[in-house]
PDB file of all heavy atoms in Angstrom:
ATOM      1  N   GLY A   1     -26.352  -6.765 -10.850  1.00  0.00           N
ATOM      2  CA  GLY A   1     -26.248  -5.498 -11.545  1.00  0.00           C
ATOM      3  C   GLY A   1     -26.266  -4.264 -10.680  1.00  0.00           C
ATOM      4  O   GLY A   1     -25.950  -3.177 -11.106  1.00  0.00           O
ATOM      5  N   VAL A   2     -26.648  -4.427  -9.384  1.00  0.00           N
ATOM      6  CA  VAL A   2     -26.728  -3.286  -8.488  1.00  0.00           C
ATOM      7  C   VAL A   2     -25.322  -2.959  -7.988  1.00  0.00           C
ATOM      8  O   VAL A   2     -24.533  -3.842  -7.724  1.00  0.00           O
ATOM      9  CB  VAL A   2     -27.675  -3.618  -7.324  1.00  0.00           C
ATOM     10  CG1 VAL A   2     -27.574  -2.557  -6.204  1.00  0.00           C
ATOM     11  CG2 VAL A   2     -29.123  -3.766  -7.765  1.00  0.00           C
ATOM     12  N   LEU A   3     -25.047  -1.687  -7.845  1.00  0.00           N
ATOM     13  CA  LEU A   3     -23.734  -1.226  -7.332  1.00  0.00           C
ATOM     14  C   LEU A   3     -23.700  -1.442  -5.843  1.00  0.00           C
ATOM     15  O   LEU A   3     -24.699  -1.210  -5.136  1.00  0.00           O
ATOM     16  CB  LEU A   3     -23.476   0.225  -7.690  1.00  0.00           C
ATOM     17  CG  LEU A   3     -23.463   0.632  -9.159  1.00  0.00           C
ATOM     18  CD1 LEU A   3     -23.332   2.102  -9.332  1.00  0.00           C
ATOM     19  CD2 LEU A   3     -22.303  -0.069  -9.857  1.00  0.00           C
ATOM     20  N   ILE A   4     -22.556  -1.867  -5.319  1.00  0.00           N
ATOM     21  CA  ILE A   4     -22.367  -2.000  -3.887  1.00  0.00           C
ATOM     22  C   ILE A   4     -21.226  -1.066  -3.453  1.00  0.00           C
ATOM     23  O   ILE A   4     -20.114  -1.195  -3.937  1.00  0.00           O
ATOM     24  CB  ILE A   4     -22.055  -3.468  -3.499  1.00  0.00           C
ATOM     25  CG1 ILE A   4     -23.214  -4.361  -3.887  1.00  0.00           C
ATOM     26  CG2 ILE A   4     -21.774  -3.594  -2.003  1.00  0.00           C
ATOM     27  CD1 ILE A   4     -22.952  -5.843  -3.689  1.00  0.00           C
ATOM     28  N   ASP A   5     -21.550  -0.139  -2.563  1.00  0.00           N
ATOM     29  CA  ASP A   5     -20.594   0.800  -2.027  1.00  0.00           C
ATOM     30  C   ASP A   5     -20.151   0.300  -0.659  1.00  0.00           C
ATOM     31  O   ASP A   5     -20.940   0.365   0.306  1.00  0.00           O
ATOM     32  CB  ASP A   5     -21.244   2.167  -1.930  1.00  0.00           C
ATOM     33  CG  ASP A   5     -20.298   3.271  -1.414  1.00  0.00           C
ATOM     34  OD1 ASP A   5     -19.179   2.913  -1.057  1.00  0.00           O
ATOM     35  OD2 ASP A   5     -20.734   4.450  -1.397  1.00  0.00           O
ATOM     36  N   ASN A   6     -18.973  -0.284  -0.596  1.00  0.00           N
ATOM     37  CA  ASN A   6     -18.519  -0.970   0.600  1.00  0.00           C
ATOM     38  C   ASN A   6     -17.446  -0.172   1.338  1.00  0.00           C
ATOM     39  O   ASN A   6     -16.387   0.079   0.815  1.00  0.00           O
ATOM     40  CB  ASN A   6     -17.971  -2.335   0.227  1.00  0.00           C
ATOM     41  CG  ASN A   6     -17.603  -3.169   1.447  1.00  0.00           C
ATOM     42  OD1 ASN A   6     -18.396  -3.298   2.377  1.00  0.00           O
ATOM     43  ND2 ASN A   6     -16.447  -3.765   1.443  1.00  0.00           N
ATOM     44  N   GLU A   7     -17.750   0.230   2.601  1.00  0.00           N
ATOM     45  CA  GLU A   7     -16.779   0.919   3.405  1.00  0.00           C
ATOM     46  C   GLU A   7     -16.332   0.022   4.562  1.00  0.00           C
ATOM     47  O   GLU A   7     -17.129  -0.770   5.094  1.00  0.00           O
ATOM     48  CB  GLU A   7     -17.361   2.235   3.957  1.00  0.00           C
ATOM     49  CG  GLU A   7     -17.698   3.218   2.854  1.00  0.00           C
ATOM     50  CD  GLU A   7     -17.823   4.658   3.329  1.00  0.00           C
ATOM     51  OE1 GLU A   7     -17.256   4.981   4.403  1.00  0.00           O
ATOM     52  OE2 GLU A   7     -18.494   5.443   2.645  1.00  0.00           O
ATOM     53  N   ILE A   8     -15.123   0.173   4.963  1.00  0.00           N
ATOM     54  CA  ILE A   8     -14.515  -0.717   5.955  1.00  0.00           C
ATOM     55  C   ILE A   8     -13.814   0.091   7.050  1.00  0.00           C
ATOM     56  O   ILE A   8     -13.096   1.025   6.750  1.00  0.00           O
ATOM     57  CB  ILE A   8     -13.419  -1.653   5.273  1.00  0.00           C
ATOM     58  CG1 ILE A   8     -14.071  -2.486   4.166  1.00  0.00           C
ATOM     59  CG2 ILE A   8     -12.737  -2.503   6.310  1.00  0.00           C
ATOM     60  CD1 ILE A   8     -13.734  -2.015   2.785  1.00  0.00           C
ATOM     61  N   ILE A   9     -14.095  -0.274   8.277  1.00  0.00           N
ATOM     62  CA  ILE A   9     -13.385   0.297   9.442  1.00  0.00           C
ATOM     63  C   ILE A   9     -12.497  -0.795   9.998  1.00  0.00           C
ATOM     64  O   ILE A   9     -13.015  -1.865  10.477  1.00  0.00           O
ATOM     65  CB  ILE A   9     -14.375   0.804  10.504  1.00  0.00           C
ATOM     66  CG1 ILE A   9     -15.325   1.853   9.950  1.00  0.00           C
ATOM     67  CG2 ILE A   9     -13.623   1.336  11.718  1.00  0.00           C
ATOM     68  CD1 ILE A   9     -16.525   2.169  10.853  1.00  0.00           C
ATOM     69  N   GLU A  10     -11.209  -0.601  10.001  1.00  0.00           N
ATOM     70  CA  GLU A  10     -10.245  -1.585  10.481  1.00  0.00           C
ATOM     71  C   GLU A  10      -8.984  -0.918  10.898  1.00  0.00           C
ATOM     72  O   GLU A  10      -8.289  -0.266  10.060  1.00  0.00           O
ATOM     73  CB  GLU A  10      -9.976  -2.669   9.408  1.00  0.00           C
ATOM     74  CG  GLU A  10      -8.840  -3.634   9.760  1.00  0.00           C
ATOM     75  CD  GLU A  10      -9.054  -4.328  11.101  1.00  0.00           C
ATOM     76  OE1 GLU A  10     -10.150  -4.923  11.295  1.00  0.00           O
ATOM     77  OE2 GLU A  10      -8.143  -4.239  11.970  1.00  0.00           O
ATOM     78  N   PRO A  11      -8.625  -0.931  12.204  1.00  0.00           N
ATOM     79  CA  PRO A  11      -7.438  -0.204  12.690  1.00  0.00           C
ATOM     80  C   PRO A  11      -6.067  -0.834  12.313  1.00  0.00           C
ATOM     81  O   PRO A  11      -5.058  -0.167  12.312  1.00  0.00           O
ATOM     82  CB  PRO A  11      -7.622  -0.131  14.190  1.00  0.00           C
ATOM     83  CG  PRO A  11      -8.484  -1.344  14.505  1.00  0.00           C
ATOM     84  CD  PRO A  11      -9.370  -1.559  13.315  1.00  0.00           C
ATOM     85  N   ASN A  12      -6.081  -2.143  12.059  1.00  0.00           N
ATOM     86  CA  ASN A  12      -4.840  -2.885  11.875  1.00  0.00           C
ATOM     87  C   ASN A  12      -4.309  -2.715  10.442  1.00  0.00           C
ATOM     88  O   ASN A  12      -4.924  -3.176   9.482  1.00  0.00           O
ATOM     89  CB  ASN A  12      -5.039  -4.347  12.219  1.00  0.00           C
ATOM     90  CG  ASN A  12      -3.737  -5.130  12.159  1.00  0.00           C
ATOM     91  OD1 ASN A  12      -2.974  -5.078  11.253  1.00  0.00           O
ATOM     92  ND2 ASN A  12      -3.473  -5.883  13.268  1.00  0.00           N
ATOM     93  N   ALA A  13      -3.142  -2.060  10.262  1.00  0.00           N
ATOM     94  CA  ALA A  13      -2.611  -1.784   8.937  1.00  0.00           C
ATOM     95  C   ALA A  13      -2.344  -3.022   8.134  1.00  0.00           C
ATOM     96  O   ALA A  13      -2.583  -3.073   6.899  1.00  0.00           O
ATOM     97  CB  ALA A  13      -1.363  -0.936   9.060  1.00  0.00           C
ATOM     98  N   GLN A  14      -1.857  -4.089   8.801  1.00  0.00           N
ATOM     99  CA  GLN A  14      -1.580  -5.338   8.115  1.00  0.00           C
ATOM    100  C   GLN A  14      -2.836  -5.998   7.601  1.00  0.00           C
ATOM    101  O   GLN A  14      -2.854  -6.541   6.509  1.00  0.00           O
ATOM    102  CB  GLN A  14      -0.834  -6.291   9.038  1.00  0.00           C
ATOM    103  CG  GLN A  14       0.616  -5.872   9.354  1.00  0.00           C
ATOM    104  CD  GLN A  14       1.278  -6.801  10.314  1.00  0.00           C
ATOM    105  OE1 GLN A  14       0.789  -7.024  11.424  1.00  0.00           O
ATOM    106  NE2 GLN A  14       2.428  -7.377   9.939  1.00  0.00           N
ATOM    107  N   HIS A  15      -3.910  -5.900   8.417  1.00  0.00           N
ATOM    108  CA  HIS A  15      -5.206  -6.451   8.003  1.00  0.00           C
ATOM    109  C   HIS A  15      -5.751  -5.679   6.781  1.00  0.00           C
ATOM    110  O   HIS A  15      -6.290  -6.297   5.854  1.00  0.00           O
ATOM    111  CB  HIS A  15      -6.164  -6.416   9.144  1.00  0.00           C
ATOM    112  CG  HIS A  15      -5.899  -7.432  10.221  1.00  0.00           C
ATOM    113  ND1 HIS A  15      -6.614  -7.497  11.402  1.00  0.00           N
ATOM    114  CD2 HIS A  15      -4.933  -8.415  10.259  1.00  0.00           C
ATOM    115  CE1 HIS A  15      -6.095  -8.472  12.137  1.00  0.00           C
ATOM    116  NE2 HIS A  15      -5.139  -9.034  11.475  1.00  0.00           N
ATOM    117  N   VAL A  16      -5.645  -4.372   6.825  1.00  0.00           N
ATOM    118  CA  VAL A  16      -6.105  -3.549   5.691  1.00  0.00           C
ATOM    119  C   VAL A  16      -5.366  -3.912   4.433  1.00  0.00           C
ATOM    120  O   VAL A  16      -5.980  -4.092   3.348  1.00  0.00           O
ATOM    121  CB  VAL A  16      -5.933  -2.065   6.030  1.00  0.00           C
ATOM    122  CG1 VAL A  16      -6.183  -1.204   4.779  1.00  0.00           C
ATOM    123  CG2 VAL A  16      -6.890  -1.627   7.134  1.00  0.00           C
ATOM    124  N   ALA A  17      -4.044  -4.090   4.508  1.00  0.00           N
ATOM    125  CA  ALA A  17      -3.220  -4.434   3.365  1.00  0.00           C
ATOM    126  C   ALA A  17      -3.664  -5.809   2.808  1.00  0.00           C
ATOM    127  O   ALA A  17      -3.741  -6.020   1.590  1.00  0.00           O
ATOM    128  CB  ALA A  17      -1.761  -4.475   3.735  1.00  0.00           C
ATOM    129  N   ALA A  18      -3.905  -6.780   3.725  1.00  0.00           N
ATOM    130  CA  ALA A  18      -4.318  -8.115   3.295  1.00  0.00           C
ATOM    131  C   ALA A  18      -5.691  -8.044   2.627  1.00  0.00           C
ATOM    132  O   ALA A  18      -5.945  -8.749   1.649  1.00  0.00           O
ATOM    133  CB  ALA A  18      -4.335  -9.065   4.494  1.00  0.00           C
ATOM    134  N   TYR A  19      -6.612  -7.229   3.178  1.00  0.00           N
ATOM    135  CA  TYR A  19      -7.940  -7.079   2.583  1.00  0.00           C
ATOM    136  C   TYR A  19      -7.816  -6.510   1.157  1.00  0.00           C
ATOM    137  O   TYR A  19      -8.426  -7.016   0.218  1.00  0.00           O
ATOM    138  CB  TYR A  19      -8.758  -6.149   3.502  1.00  0.00           C
ATOM    139  CG  TYR A  19     -10.239  -6.101   3.276  1.00  0.00           C
ATOM    140  CD1 TYR A  19     -11.094  -5.848   4.341  1.00  0.00           C
ATOM    141  CD2 TYR A  19     -10.819  -6.257   1.992  1.00  0.00           C
ATOM    142  CE1 TYR A  19     -12.479  -5.788   4.166  1.00  0.00           C
ATOM    143  CE2 TYR A  19     -12.153  -6.187   1.826  1.00  0.00           C
ATOM    144  CZ  TYR A  19     -13.008  -5.960   2.904  1.00  0.00           C
ATOM    145  OH  TYR A  19     -14.376  -5.881   2.716  1.00  0.00           O
ATOM    146  N   LYS A  20      -7.027  -5.470   0.988  1.00  0.00           N
ATOM    147  CA  LYS A  20      -6.835  -4.833  -0.317  1.00  0.00           C
ATOM    148  C   LYS A  20      -6.270  -5.861  -1.307  1.00  0.00           C
ATOM    149  O   LYS A  20      -6.701  -5.878  -2.472  1.00  0.00           O
ATOM    150  CB  LYS A  20      -5.924  -3.619  -0.220  1.00  0.00           C
ATOM    151  CG  LYS A  20      -6.543  -2.446   0.502  1.00  0.00           C
ATOM    152  CD  LYS A  20      -5.594  -1.250   0.592  1.00  0.00           C
ATOM    153  CE  LYS A  20      -6.268  -0.067   1.248  1.00  0.00           C
ATOM    154  NZ  LYS A  20      -5.331   1.083   1.380  1.00  0.00           N
ATOM    155  N   GLU A  21      -5.321  -6.677  -0.852  1.00  0.00           N
ATOM    156  CA  GLU A  21      -4.733  -7.706  -1.738  1.00  0.00           C
ATOM    157  C   GLU A  21      -5.802  -8.711  -2.161  1.00  0.00           C
ATOM    158  O   GLU A  21      -5.839  -9.175  -3.320  1.00  0.00           O
ATOM    159  CB  GLU A  21      -3.567  -8.376  -1.011  1.00  0.00           C
ATOM    160  CG  GLU A  21      -2.853  -9.412  -1.879  1.00  0.00           C
ATOM    161  CD  GLU A  21      -2.241  -8.788  -3.189  1.00  0.00           C
ATOM    162  OE1 GLU A  21      -1.918  -7.593  -3.181  1.00  0.00           O
ATOM    163  OE2 GLU A  21      -2.138  -9.567  -4.160  1.00  0.00           O
ATOM    164  N   LEU A  22      -6.721  -9.085  -1.232  1.00  0.00           N
ATOM    165  CA  LEU A  22      -7.766 -10.019  -1.552  1.00  0.00           C
ATOM    166  C   LEU A  22      -8.668  -9.432  -2.636  1.00  0.00           C
ATOM    167  O   LEU A  22      -9.111 -10.141  -3.543  1.00  0.00           O
ATOM    168  CB  LEU A  22      -8.551 -10.294  -0.250  1.00  0.00           C
ATOM    169  CG  LEU A  22      -9.280 -11.611  -0.109  1.00  0.00           C
ATOM    170  CD1 LEU A  22      -8.326 -12.764  -0.190  1.00  0.00           C
ATOM    171  CD2 LEU A  22     -10.011 -11.637   1.275  1.00  0.00           C
ATOM    172  N   VAL A  23      -8.998  -8.146  -2.489  1.00  0.00           N
ATOM    173  CA  VAL A  23      -9.821  -7.456  -3.492  1.00  0.00           C
ATOM    174  C   VAL A  23      -9.142  -7.444  -4.836  1.00  0.00           C
ATOM    175  O   VAL A  23      -9.740  -7.694  -5.889  1.00  0.00           O
ATOM    176  CB  VAL A  23     -10.193  -6.057  -3.025  1.00  0.00           C
ATOM    177  CG1 VAL A  23     -10.849  -5.242  -4.119  1.00  0.00           C
ATOM    178  CG2 VAL A  23     -11.102  -6.092  -1.784  1.00  0.00           C
ATOM    179  N   ASN A  24      -7.827  -7.136  -4.858  1.00  0.00           N
ATOM    180  CA  ASN A  24      -7.060  -7.053  -6.086  1.00  0.00           C
ATOM    181  C   ASN A  24      -7.067  -8.385  -6.833  1.00  0.00           C
ATOM    182  O   ASN A  24      -6.969  -8.429  -8.089  1.00  0.00           O
ATOM    183  CB  ASN A  24      -5.621  -6.641  -5.807  1.00  0.00           C
ATOM    184  CG  ASN A  24      -5.527  -5.196  -5.380  1.00  0.00           C
ATOM    185  OD1 ASN A  24      -6.388  -4.372  -5.677  1.00  0.00           O
ATOM    186  ND2 ASN A  24      -4.472  -4.827  -4.655  1.00  0.00           N
ATOM    187  N   GLN A  25      -7.186  -9.483  -6.084  1.00  0.00           N
ATOM    188  CA  GLN A  25      -7.132 -10.800  -6.724  1.00  0.00           C
ATOM    189  C   GLN A  25      -8.506 -11.348  -7.096  1.00  0.00           C
ATOM    190  O   GLN A  25      -8.633 -12.450  -7.597  1.00  0.00           O
ATOM    191  CB  GLN A  25      -6.447 -11.808  -5.761  1.00  0.00           C
ATOM    192  CG  GLN A  25      -4.949 -11.478  -5.501  1.00  0.00           C
ATOM    193  CD  GLN A  25      -4.399 -12.415  -4.459  1.00  0.00           C
ATOM    194  OE1 GLN A  25      -5.040 -13.274  -3.899  1.00  0.00           O
ATOM    195  NE2 GLN A  25      -3.070 -12.207  -4.147  1.00  0.00           N
ATOM    196  N   ALA A  26      -9.554 -10.559  -6.877  1.00  0.00           N
ATOM    197  CA  ALA A  26     -10.933 -11.012  -7.112  1.00  0.00           C
ATOM    198  C   ALA A  26     -11.490 -10.407  -8.382  1.00  0.00           C
ATOM    199  O   ALA A  26     -11.691  -9.175  -8.418  1.00  0.00           O
ATOM    200  CB  ALA A  26     -11.833 -10.666  -5.896  1.00  0.00           C
ATOM    201  N   PRO A  27     -11.655 -11.180  -9.442  1.00  0.00           N
ATOM    202  CA  PRO A  27     -12.133 -10.594 -10.726  1.00  0.00           C
ATOM    203  C   PRO A  27     -13.656 -10.352 -10.740  1.00  0.00           C
ATOM    204  O   PRO A  27     -14.149  -9.773 -11.694  1.00  0.00           O
ATOM    205  CB  PRO A  27     -11.770 -11.691 -11.689  1.00  0.00           C
ATOM    206  CG  PRO A  27     -11.810 -12.964 -10.921  1.00  0.00           C
ATOM    207  CD  PRO A  27     -11.408 -12.618  -9.525  1.00  0.00           C
ATOM    208  N   ASP A  28     -14.388 -10.819  -9.701  1.00  0.00           N
ATOM    209  CA  ASP A  28     -15.838 -10.750  -9.746  1.00  0.00           C
ATOM    210  C   ASP A  28     -16.429  -9.587  -8.948  1.00  0.00           C
ATOM    211  O   ASP A  28     -17.604  -9.601  -8.618  1.00  0.00           O
ATOM    212  CB  ASP A  28     -16.437 -12.071  -9.267  1.00  0.00           C
ATOM    213  CG  ASP A  28     -16.004 -12.374  -7.835  1.00  0.00           C
ATOM    214  OD1 ASP A  28     -14.926 -11.863  -7.432  1.00  0.00           O
ATOM    215  OD2 ASP A  28     -16.691 -13.147  -7.125  1.00  0.00           O
ATOM    216  N   LEU A  29     -15.609  -8.559  -8.678  1.00  0.00           N
ATOM    217  CA  LEU A  29     -16.102  -7.469  -7.836  1.00  0.00           C
ATOM    218  C   LEU A  29     -16.166  -6.162  -8.597  1.00  0.00           C
ATOM    219  O   LEU A  29     -16.002  -5.083  -8.025  1.00  0.00           O
ATOM    220  CB  LEU A  29     -15.224  -7.324  -6.581  1.00  0.00           C
ATOM    221  CG  LEU A  29     -15.057  -8.548  -5.703  1.00  0.00           C
ATOM    222  CD1 LEU A  29     -13.998  -8.325  -4.658  1.00  0.00           C
ATOM    223  CD2 LEU A  29     -16.437  -8.868  -5.039  1.00  0.00           C
ATOM    224  N   GLN A  30     -16.474  -6.271  -9.924  1.00  0.00           N
ATOM    225  CA  GLN A  30     -16.453  -5.051 -10.742  1.00  0.00           C
ATOM    226  C   GLN A  30     -17.479  -3.981 -10.282  1.00  0.00           C
ATOM    227  O   GLN A  30     -17.249  -2.788 -10.398  1.00  0.00           O
ATOM    228  CB  GLN A  30     -16.731  -5.368 -12.209  1.00  0.00           C
ATOM    229  CG  GLN A  30     -15.738  -6.286 -12.842  1.00  0.00           C
ATOM    230  CD  GLN A  30     -16.215  -7.750 -12.756  1.00  0.00           C
ATOM    231  OE1 GLN A  30     -16.981  -8.124 -11.890  1.00  0.00           O
ATOM    232  NE2 GLN A  30     -15.647  -8.606 -13.632  1.00  0.00           N
ATOM    233  N   ASN A  31     -18.594  -4.430  -9.794  1.00  0.00           N
ATOM    234  CA  ASN A  31     -19.645  -3.500  -9.358  1.00  0.00           C
ATOM    235  C   ASN A  31     -19.564  -3.077  -7.925  1.00  0.00           C
ATOM    236  O   ASN A  31     -20.550  -2.587  -7.327  1.00  0.00           O
ATOM    237  CB  ASN A  31     -21.046  -4.104  -9.672  1.00  0.00           C
ATOM    238  CG  ASN A  31     -21.393  -4.072 -11.121  1.00  0.00           C
ATOM    239  OD1 ASN A  31     -20.724  -3.398 -11.913  1.00  0.00           O
ATOM    240  ND2 ASN A  31     -22.454  -4.765 -11.525  1.00  0.00           N
ATOM    241  N   VAL A  32     -18.390  -3.313  -7.306  1.00  0.00           N
ATOM    242  CA  VAL A  32     -18.218  -2.981  -5.902  1.00  0.00           C
ATOM    243  C   VAL A  32     -17.133  -1.972  -5.736  1.00  0.00           C
ATOM    244  O   VAL A  32     -16.030  -2.089  -6.285  1.00  0.00           O
ATOM    245  CB  VAL A  32     -17.869  -4.277  -5.097  1.00  0.00           C
ATOM    246  CG1 VAL A  32     -17.890  -3.949  -3.593  1.00  0.00           C
ATOM    247  CG2 VAL A  32     -18.828  -5.394  -5.435  1.00  0.00           C
ATOM    248  N   SER A  33     -17.415  -0.887  -4.988  1.00  0.00           N
ATOM    249  CA  SER A  33     -16.384   0.075  -4.636  1.00  0.00           C
ATOM    250  C   SER A  33     -15.966  -0.112  -3.208  1.00  0.00           C
ATOM    251  O   SER A  33     -16.779  -0.557  -2.345  1.00  0.00           O
ATOM    252  CB  SER A  33     -16.897   1.519  -4.841  1.00  0.00           C
ATOM    253  OG  SER A  33     -17.975   1.784  -3.990  1.00  0.00           O
ATOM    254  N   PHE A  34     -14.684   0.190  -2.923  1.00  0.00           N
ATOM    255  CA  PHE A  34     -14.151  -0.063  -1.584  1.00  0.00           C
ATOM    256  C   PHE A  34     -13.551   1.234  -1.044  1.00  0.00           C
ATOM    257  O   PHE A  34     -12.744   1.886  -1.726  1.00  0.00           O
ATOM    258  CB  PHE A  34     -13.080  -1.141  -1.600  1.00  0.00           C
ATOM    259  CG  PHE A  34     -13.644  -2.515  -1.893  1.00  0.00           C
ATOM    260  CD1 PHE A  34     -13.800  -2.939  -3.217  1.00  0.00           C
ATOM    261  CD2 PHE A  34     -14.013  -3.368  -0.887  1.00  0.00           C
ATOM    262  CE1 PHE A  34     -14.298  -4.216  -3.527  1.00  0.00           C
ATOM    263  CE2 PHE A  34     -14.520  -4.632  -1.162  1.00  0.00           C
ATOM    264  CZ  PHE A  34     -14.674  -5.027  -2.454  1.00  0.00           C
ATOM    265  N   ILE A  35     -13.868   1.543   0.217  1.00  0.00           N
ATOM    266  CA  ILE A  35     -13.203   2.656   0.933  1.00  0.00           C
ATOM    267  C   ILE A  35     -12.783   2.112   2.286  1.00  0.00           C
ATOM    268  O   ILE A  35     -13.620   1.589   3.032  1.00  0.00           O
ATOM    269  CB  ILE A  35     -14.124   3.898   1.104  1.00  0.00           C
ATOM    270  CG1 ILE A  35     -14.549   4.469  -0.221  1.00  0.00           C
ATOM    271  CG2 ILE A  35     -13.443   4.923   1.964  1.00  0.00           C
ATOM    272  CD1 ILE A  35     -15.618   5.548  -0.111  1.00  0.00           C
ATOM    273  N   TRP A  36     -11.513   2.190   2.584  1.00  0.00           N
ATOM    274  CA  TRP A  36     -10.997   1.713   3.875  1.00  0.00           C
ATOM    275  C   TRP A  36     -10.732   2.886   4.816  1.00  0.00           C
ATOM    276  O   TRP A  36     -10.157   3.898   4.382  1.00  0.00           O
ATOM    277  CB  TRP A  36      -9.663   0.954   3.669  1.00  0.00           C
ATOM    278  CG  TRP A  36      -9.855  -0.421   3.131  1.00  0.00           C
ATOM    279  CD1 TRP A  36     -10.046  -1.599   3.821  1.00  0.00           C
ATOM    280  CD2 TRP A  36      -9.855  -0.825   1.737  1.00  0.00           C
ATOM    281  NE1 TRP A  36     -10.169  -2.659   2.957  1.00  0.00           N
ATOM    282  CE2 TRP A  36     -10.063  -2.228   1.692  1.00  0.00           C
ATOM    283  CE3 TRP A  36      -9.735  -0.094   0.524  1.00  0.00           C
ATOM    284  CZ2 TRP A  36     -10.127  -2.913   0.513  1.00  0.00           C
ATOM    285  CZ3 TRP A  36      -9.800  -0.825  -0.658  1.00  0.00           C
ATOM    286  CH2 TRP A  36      -9.999  -2.179  -0.679  1.00  0.00           C
ATOM    287  N   HIS A  37     -11.163   2.737   6.016  1.00  0.00           N
ATOM    288  CA  HIS A  37     -10.861   3.733   7.126  1.00  0.00           C
ATOM    289  C   HIS A  37      -9.987   2.979   8.085  1.00  0.00           C
ATOM    290  O   HIS A  37     -10.452   2.113   8.849  1.00  0.00           O
ATOM    291  CB  HIS A  37     -12.137   4.196   7.797  1.00  0.00           C
ATOM    292  CG  HIS A  37     -13.185   4.786   6.846  1.00  0.00           C
ATOM    293  ND1 HIS A  37     -13.157   6.065   6.417  1.00  0.00           N
ATOM    294  CD2 HIS A  37     -14.268   4.190   6.291  1.00  0.00           C
ATOM    295  CE1 HIS A  37     -14.187   6.281   5.612  1.00  0.00           C
ATOM    296  NE2 HIS A  37     -14.868   5.154   5.510  1.00  0.00           N
ATOM    297  N   GLN A  38      -8.718   3.326   8.136  1.00  0.00           N
ATOM    298  CA  GLN A  38      -7.823   2.674   9.094  1.00  0.00           C
ATOM    299  C   GLN A  38      -7.947   3.347  10.432  1.00  0.00           C
ATOM    300  O   GLN A  38      -7.116   4.155  10.872  1.00  0.00           O
ATOM    301  CB  GLN A  38      -6.373   2.697   8.586  1.00  0.00           C
ATOM    302  CG  GLN A  38      -5.477   1.713   9.345  1.00  0.00           C
ATOM    303  CD  GLN A  38      -3.999   1.784   8.920  1.00  0.00           C
ATOM    304  OE1 GLN A  38      -3.743   1.790   7.722  1.00  0.00           O
ATOM    305  NE2 GLN A  38      -3.121   1.931   9.901  1.00  0.00           N
ATOM    306  N   LEU A  39      -9.014   3.004  11.130  1.00  0.00           N
ATOM    307  CA  LEU A  39      -9.428   3.650  12.383  1.00  0.00           C
ATOM    308  C   LEU A  39     -10.068   2.594  13.263  1.00  0.00           C
ATOM    309  O   LEU A  39     -10.572   1.541  12.817  1.00  0.00           O
ATOM    310  CB  LEU A  39     -10.457   4.731  12.100  1.00  0.00           C
ATOM    311  CG  LEU A  39     -10.140   5.901  11.196  1.00  0.00           C
ATOM    312  CD1 LEU A  39     -11.387   6.646  10.801  1.00  0.00           C
ATOM    313  CD2 LEU A  39      -9.148   6.811  11.848  1.00  0.00           C
ATOM    314  N   THR A  40     -10.098   2.880  14.563  1.00  0.00           N
ATOM    315  CA  THR A  40     -10.928   2.098  15.472  1.00  0.00           C
ATOM    316  C   THR A  40     -12.385   2.552  15.285  1.00  0.00           C
ATOM    317  O   THR A  40     -12.652   3.630  14.695  1.00  0.00           O
ATOM    318  CB  THR A  40     -10.550   2.250  16.940  1.00  0.00           C
ATOM    319  OG1 THR A  40     -10.809   3.618  17.308  1.00  0.00           O
ATOM    320  CG2 THR A  40      -9.084   1.957  17.159  1.00  0.00           C
ATOM    321  N   SER A  41     -13.308   1.782  15.741  1.00  0.00           N
ATOM    322  CA  SER A  41     -14.729   2.186  15.659  1.00  0.00           C
ATOM    323  C   SER A  41     -14.960   3.438  16.382  1.00  0.00           C
ATOM    324  O   SER A  41     -15.750   4.322  15.984  1.00  0.00           O
ATOM    325  CB  SER A  41     -15.653   1.090  16.160  1.00  0.00           C
ATOM    326  OG  SER A  41     -15.351   0.774  17.522  1.00  0.00           O
TER     327      SER A  41
END
């Protein structure tokens, strides 16, 4: 029941796209928010 605010740092555009697709296909992540930063560390 706790909210999870998940931020991601990943420079590779293809990897970011694949990650987003994985999230789109996951029905059990309703309480999780995602922010992607397409950047190096």
